[in-house]
Amino acid sequence: MNEMEDLIEWLRGVAAENNITISVENQWPSDWVPQSQNEMRHIWYNPNWLPIRERPLTLAHEIGHILSGDEVSFSCNYCSINEKAEGDGDLIAIMLLLDYCRTHDITFETKQQLIEAFQIPTSMTESVDRATNFKLFAMRKKYRELAISSTGVFI
């Protein structure tokens, strides 16, 4: 199994842990856009999506829609319908990728390396900034709490 397939399997596990079902049809055309429906907690994932390197990100994005509680059902081609929902799907997708990296000891020195490694489109750069800043904030908070409890020193 290659890295992309491993990531897709990991994302399928995240979906299963969150009671999200995923339908896959090997005969879908490569331009059929993956979709999700929150009410059904269901994703229609296209294993033939092109470009190939975007497949994990599209699955993470659809999982993000459901985890964020988006109430509408639409494909990610229709960003203008509800940009907030798309932004939430993007943000959670990036956070899922970061969690995958953390659990698999994958590190990047820069955001650009992360963007290149996962072929994250320019339209999601703001979500990368938001997700990485949130992760840094959470880490600072965690270490601050540890420092206060163990040394009594405020950082």
C-alpha atoms as a PDB file:
ATOM      1  CA  MET A   1       0.000   0.000   0.000  1.00  0.00           C
ATOM      2  CA  ASN A   2       1.403   3.422  -0.921  1.00  0.00           C
ATOM      3  CA  GLU A   3       1.228   6.551   1.251  1.00  0.00           C
ATOM      4  CA  MET A   4      -1.862   7.920  -0.493  1.00  0.00           C
ATOM      5  CA  GLU A   5      -3.748   4.651  -0.069  1.00  0.00           C
ATOM      6  CA  ASP A   6      -2.666   4.531   3.582  1.00  0.00           C
ATOM      7  CA  LEU A   7      -4.015   8.037   4.139  1.00  0.00           C
ATOM      8  CA  ILE A   8      -7.311   7.173   2.448  1.00  0.00           C
ATOM      9  CA  GLU A   9      -7.670   4.080   4.639  1.00  0.00           C
ATOM     10  CA  TRP A  10      -6.892   6.178   7.730  1.00  0.00           C
ATOM     11  CA  LEU A  11      -9.568   8.696   6.672  1.00  0.00           C
ATOM     12  CA  ARG A  12     -12.046   5.844   6.138  1.00  0.00           C
ATOM     13  CA  GLY A  13     -11.277   4.805   9.722  1.00  0.00           C
ATOM     14  CA  VAL A  14     -11.966   8.357  10.942  1.00  0.00           C
ATOM     15  CA  ALA A  15     -15.268   8.265   9.086  1.00  0.00           C
ATOM     16  CA  ALA A  16     -16.190   4.909  10.620  1.00  0.00           C
ATOM     17  CA  GLU A  17     -15.302   6.158  14.127  1.00  0.00           C
ATOM     18  CA  ASN A  18     -17.699   9.049  13.574  1.00  0.00           C
ATOM     19  CA  ASN A  19     -20.542   6.906  12.176  1.00  0.00           C
ATOM     20  CA  ILE A  20     -20.071   8.178   8.659  1.00  0.00           C
ATOM     21  CA  THR A  21     -20.679   5.723   5.829  1.00  0.00           C
ATOM     22  CA  ILE A  22     -18.829   5.959   2.536  1.00  0.00           C
ATOM     23  CA  SER A  23     -20.107   4.702  -0.800  1.00  0.00           C
ATOM     24  CA  VAL A  24     -17.583   3.934  -3.505  1.00  0.00           C
ATOM     25  CA  GLU A  25     -18.335   2.952  -7.084  1.00  0.00           C
ATOM     26  CA  ASN A  26     -15.459   1.968  -9.329  1.00  0.00           C
ATOM     27  CA  GLN A  27     -17.440   2.826 -12.480  1.00  0.00           C
ATOM     28  CA  TRP A  28     -17.933   6.527 -11.630  1.00  0.00           C
ATOM     29  CA  PRO A  29     -16.319   8.836 -14.203  1.00  0.00           C
ATOM     30  CA  SER A  30     -13.205  10.727 -13.133  1.00  0.00           C
ATOM     31  CA  ASP A  31     -15.005  14.081 -13.185  1.00  0.00           C
ATOM     32  CA  TRP A  32     -17.868  13.010 -10.900  1.00  0.00           C
ATOM     33  CA  VAL A  33     -17.479  15.223  -7.837  1.00  0.00           C
ATOM     34  CA  PRO A  34     -17.422  13.538  -4.396  1.00  0.00           C
ATOM     35  CA  GLN A  35     -20.353  14.607  -2.230  1.00  0.00           C
ATOM     36  CA  SER A  36     -21.658  14.331   1.298  1.00  0.00           C
ATOM     37  CA  GLN A  37     -24.979  14.579   3.064  1.00  0.00           C
ATOM     38  CA  ASN A  38     -24.909  15.456   6.745  1.00  0.00           C
ATOM     39  CA  GLU A  39     -28.423  14.236   7.573  1.00  0.00           C
ATOM     40  CA  MET A  40     -27.549  10.751   6.373  1.00  0.00           C
ATOM     41  CA  ARG A  41     -23.923  10.967   7.609  1.00  0.00           C
ATOM     42  CA  HIS A  42     -22.994   9.659   4.190  1.00  0.00           C
ATOM     43  CA  ILE A  43     -20.235  10.368   1.677  1.00  0.00           C
ATOM     44  CA  TRP A  44     -20.125   9.408  -1.978  1.00  0.00           C
ATOM     45  CA  TYR A  45     -16.387   9.112  -2.602  1.00  0.00           C
ATOM     46  CA  ASN A  46     -15.071   8.844  -6.161  1.00  0.00           C
ATOM     47  CA  PRO A  47     -12.032   6.526  -6.302  1.00  0.00           C
ATOM     48  CA  ASN A  48     -11.467   7.656  -9.908  1.00  0.00           C
ATOM     49  CA  TRP A  49     -11.266  11.404  -9.154  1.00  0.00           C
ATOM     50  CA  LEU A  50      -8.610  13.264 -11.111  1.00  0.00           C
ATOM     51  CA  PRO A  51      -6.082  14.467 -10.340  1.00  0.00           C
ATOM     52  CA  ILE A  52      -5.176  11.395  -8.341  1.00  0.00           C
ATOM     53  CA  ARG A  53      -3.198  13.325  -5.663  1.00  0.00           C
ATOM     54  CA  GLU A  54      -6.386  15.203  -4.666  1.00  0.00           C
ATOM     55  CA  ARG A  55      -8.276  12.043  -3.691  1.00  0.00           C
ATOM     56  CA  PRO A  56      -7.324  12.022   0.014  1.00  0.00           C
ATOM     57  CA  LEU A  57      -8.006  15.742   0.334  1.00  0.00           C
ATOM     58  CA  THR A  58     -11.450  15.429  -1.276  1.00  0.00           C
ATOM     59  CA  LEU A  59     -12.356  12.617   1.117  1.00  0.00           C
ATOM     60  CA  ALA A  60     -11.071  14.620   4.100  1.00  0.00           C
ATOM     61  CA  HIS A  61     -13.067  17.629   2.876  1.00  0.00           C
ATOM     62  CA  GLU A  62     -16.312  15.637   2.688  1.00  0.00           C
ATOM     63  CA  ILE A  63     -15.664  14.182   6.158  1.00  0.00           C
ATOM     64  CA  GLY A  64     -15.112  17.782   7.267  1.00  0.00           C
ATOM     65  CA  HIS A  65     -18.559  18.779   6.025  1.00  0.00           C
ATOM     66  CA  ILE A  66     -20.202  16.125   8.153  1.00  0.00           C
ATOM     67  CA  LEU A  67     -18.051  16.689  11.236  1.00  0.00           C
ATOM     68  CA  SER A  68     -18.769  20.430  11.067  1.00  0.00           C
ATOM     69  CA  GLY A  69     -22.513  19.749  10.995  1.00  0.00           C
ATOM     70  CA  ASP A  70     -23.209  21.343   7.625  1.00  0.00           C
ATOM     71  CA  GLU A  71     -26.955  21.187   7.109  1.00  0.00           C
ATOM     72  CA  VAL A  72     -26.986  21.409   3.338  1.00  0.00           C
ATOM     73  CA  SER A  73     -25.998  18.764   0.848  1.00  0.00           C
ATOM     74  CA  PHE A  74     -23.963  19.805  -2.166  1.00  0.00           C
ATOM     75  CA  SER A  75     -20.774  18.968  -3.961  1.00  0.00           C
ATOM     76  CA  CYS A  76     -17.551  20.884  -3.441  1.00  0.00           C
ATOM     77  CA  ASN A  77     -17.879  22.351  -6.959  1.00  0.00           C
ATOM     78  CA  TYR A  78     -20.542  24.740  -5.660  1.00  0.00           C
ATOM     79  CA  CYS A  79     -18.489  26.848  -3.251  1.00  0.00           C
ATOM     80  CA  SER A  80     -20.543  29.988  -3.861  1.00  0.00           C
ATOM     81  CA  ILE A  81     -23.655  28.351  -2.382  1.00  0.00           C
ATOM     82  CA  ASN A  82     -22.279  28.376   1.119  1.00  0.00           C
ATOM     83  CA  GLU A  83     -18.697  29.565   1.482  1.00  0.00           C
ATOM     84  CA  LYS A  84     -18.776  29.160   5.261  1.00  0.00           C
ATOM     85  CA  ALA A  85     -19.629  25.482   4.887  1.00  0.00           C
ATOM     86  CA  GLU A  86     -16.860  25.064   2.330  1.00  0.00           C
ATOM     87  CA  GLY A  87     -14.451  26.880   4.648  1.00  0.00           C
ATOM     88  CA  ASP A  88     -15.425  24.587   7.528  1.00  0.00           C
ATOM     89  CA  GLY A  89     -14.992  21.525   5.311  1.00  0.00           C
ATOM     90  CA  ASP A  90     -11.589  22.813   4.208  1.00  0.00           C
ATOM     91  CA  LEU A  91     -10.454  23.633   7.744  1.00  0.00           C
ATOM     92  CA  ILE A  92     -11.438  20.244   9.142  1.00  0.00           C
ATOM     93  CA  ALA A  93      -9.855  18.513   6.129  1.00  0.00           C
ATOM     94  CA  ILE A  94      -6.540  20.236   6.837  1.00  0.00           C
ATOM     95  CA  MET A  95      -6.815  19.424  10.546  1.00  0.00           C
ATOM     96  CA  LEU A  96      -7.420  15.773   9.652  1.00  0.00           C
ATOM     97  CA  LEU A  97      -4.308  15.780   7.462  1.00  0.00           C
ATOM     98  CA  LEU A  98      -2.319  17.324  10.325  1.00  0.00           C
ATOM     99  CA  ASP A  99      -3.653  14.665  12.697  1.00  0.00           C
ATOM    100  CA  TYR A 100      -2.617  11.959  10.235  1.00  0.00           C
ATOM    101  CA  CYS A 101       0.865  13.491  10.089  1.00  0.00           C
ATOM    102  CA  ARG A 102       1.064  13.632  13.886  1.00  0.00           C
ATOM    103  CA  THR A 103      -0.003   9.996  14.305  1.00  0.00           C
ATOM    104  CA  HIS A 104       2.434   8.840  11.611  1.00  0.00           C
ATOM    105  CA  ASP A 105       5.410  10.966  12.721  1.00  0.00           C
ATOM    106  CA  ILE A 106       5.381  12.999   9.517  1.00  0.00           C
ATOM    107  CA  THR A 107       6.761  16.501   9.937  1.00  0.00           C
ATOM    108  CA  PHE A 108       7.215  19.535   7.741  1.00  0.00           C
ATOM    109  CA  GLU A 109       9.442  22.504   8.375  1.00  0.00           C
ATOM    110  CA  THR A 110       7.182  24.915   6.510  1.00  0.00           C
ATOM    111  CA  LYS A 111       3.537  25.271   5.552  1.00  0.00           C
ATOM    112  CA  GLN A 112       4.613  25.207   1.923  1.00  0.00           C
ATOM    113  CA  GLN A 113       6.048  21.699   2.384  1.00  0.00           C
ATOM    114  CA  LEU A 114       2.695  20.585   3.815  1.00  0.00           C
ATOM    115  CA  ILE A 115       0.861  22.195   0.888  1.00  0.00           C
ATOM    116  CA  GLU A 116       3.117  20.514  -1.650  1.00  0.00           C
ATOM    117  CA  ALA A 117       3.048  17.103   0.052  1.00  0.00           C
ATOM    118  CA  PHE A 118      -0.753  16.920  -0.008  1.00  0.00           C
ATOM    119  CA  GLN A 119      -1.299  18.928  -3.209  1.00  0.00           C
ATOM    120  CA  ILE A 120      -3.444  21.424  -1.305  1.00  0.00           C
ATOM    121  CA  PRO A 121      -4.931  23.926  -3.771  1.00  0.00           C
ATOM    122  CA  THR A 122      -4.350  27.659  -3.436  1.00  0.00           C
ATOM    123  CA  SER A 123      -8.031  28.121  -2.550  1.00  0.00           C
ATOM    124  CA  MET A 124      -7.365  26.255   0.716  1.00  0.00           C
ATOM    125  CA  THR A 125      -4.270  28.233   1.786  1.00  0.00           C
ATOM    126  CA  GLU A 126      -6.289  30.259   4.291  1.00  0.00           C
ATOM    127  CA  SER A 127      -7.528  27.015   5.856  1.00  0.00           C
ATOM    128  CA  VAL A 128      -3.915  25.801   6.112  1.00  0.00           C
ATOM    129  CA  ASP A 129      -3.062  29.024   7.950  1.00  0.00           C
ATOM    130  CA  ARG A 130      -6.077  28.683  10.240  1.00  0.00           C
ATOM    131  CA  ALA A 131      -5.444  24.985  10.974  1.00  0.00           C
ATOM    132  CA  THR A 132      -1.741  25.345  11.653  1.00  0.00           C
ATOM    133  CA  ASN A 133      -2.290  28.409  13.830  1.00  0.00           C
ATOM    134  CA  PHE A 134      -4.989  26.548  15.754  1.00  0.00           C
ATOM    135  CA  LYS A 135      -2.644  23.593  16.259  1.00  0.00           C
ATOM    136  CA  LEU A 136       0.107  25.907  17.455  1.00  0.00           C
ATOM    137  CA  PHE A 137      -2.342  27.624  19.805  1.00  0.00           C
ATOM    138  CA  ALA A 138      -3.484  24.269  21.211  1.00  0.00           C
ATOM    139  CA  MET A 139       0.124  23.153  21.701  1.00  0.00           C
ATOM    140  CA  ARG A 140       1.064  26.414  23.427  1.00  0.00           C
ATOM    141  CA  LYS A 141      -1.960  26.107  25.716  1.00  0.00           C
ATOM    142  CA  LYS A 142      -1.105  22.496  26.570  1.00  0.00           C
ATOM    143  CA  TYR A 143       2.531  23.275  27.333  1.00  0.00           C
ATOM    144  CA  ARG A 144       1.561  26.405  29.249  1.00  0.00           C
ATOM    145  CA  GLU A 145      -0.749  24.340  31.473  1.00  0.00           C
ATOM    146  CA  LEU A 146       1.987  21.734  31.988  1.00  0.00           C
ATOM    147  CA  ALA A 147       4.519  24.407  32.871  1.00  0.00           C
ATOM    148  CA  ILE A 148       2.189  26.059  35.384  1.00  0.00           C
ATOM    149  CA  SER A 149       1.295  22.781  37.062  1.00  0.00           C
ATOM    150  CA  SER A 150       4.820  21.429  37.252  1.00  0.00           C
ATOM    151  CA  THR A 151       6.871  24.527  38.003  1.00  0.00           C
ATOM    152  CA  GLY A 152       4.417  27.196  39.049  1.00  0.00           C
ATOM    153  CA  VAL A 153       5.945  29.411  36.357  1.00  0.00           C
ATOM    154  CA  PHE A 154       3.629  31.316  34.046  1.00  0.00           C
ATOM    155  CA  ILE A 155       4.691  31.226  30.386  1.00  0.00           C
END
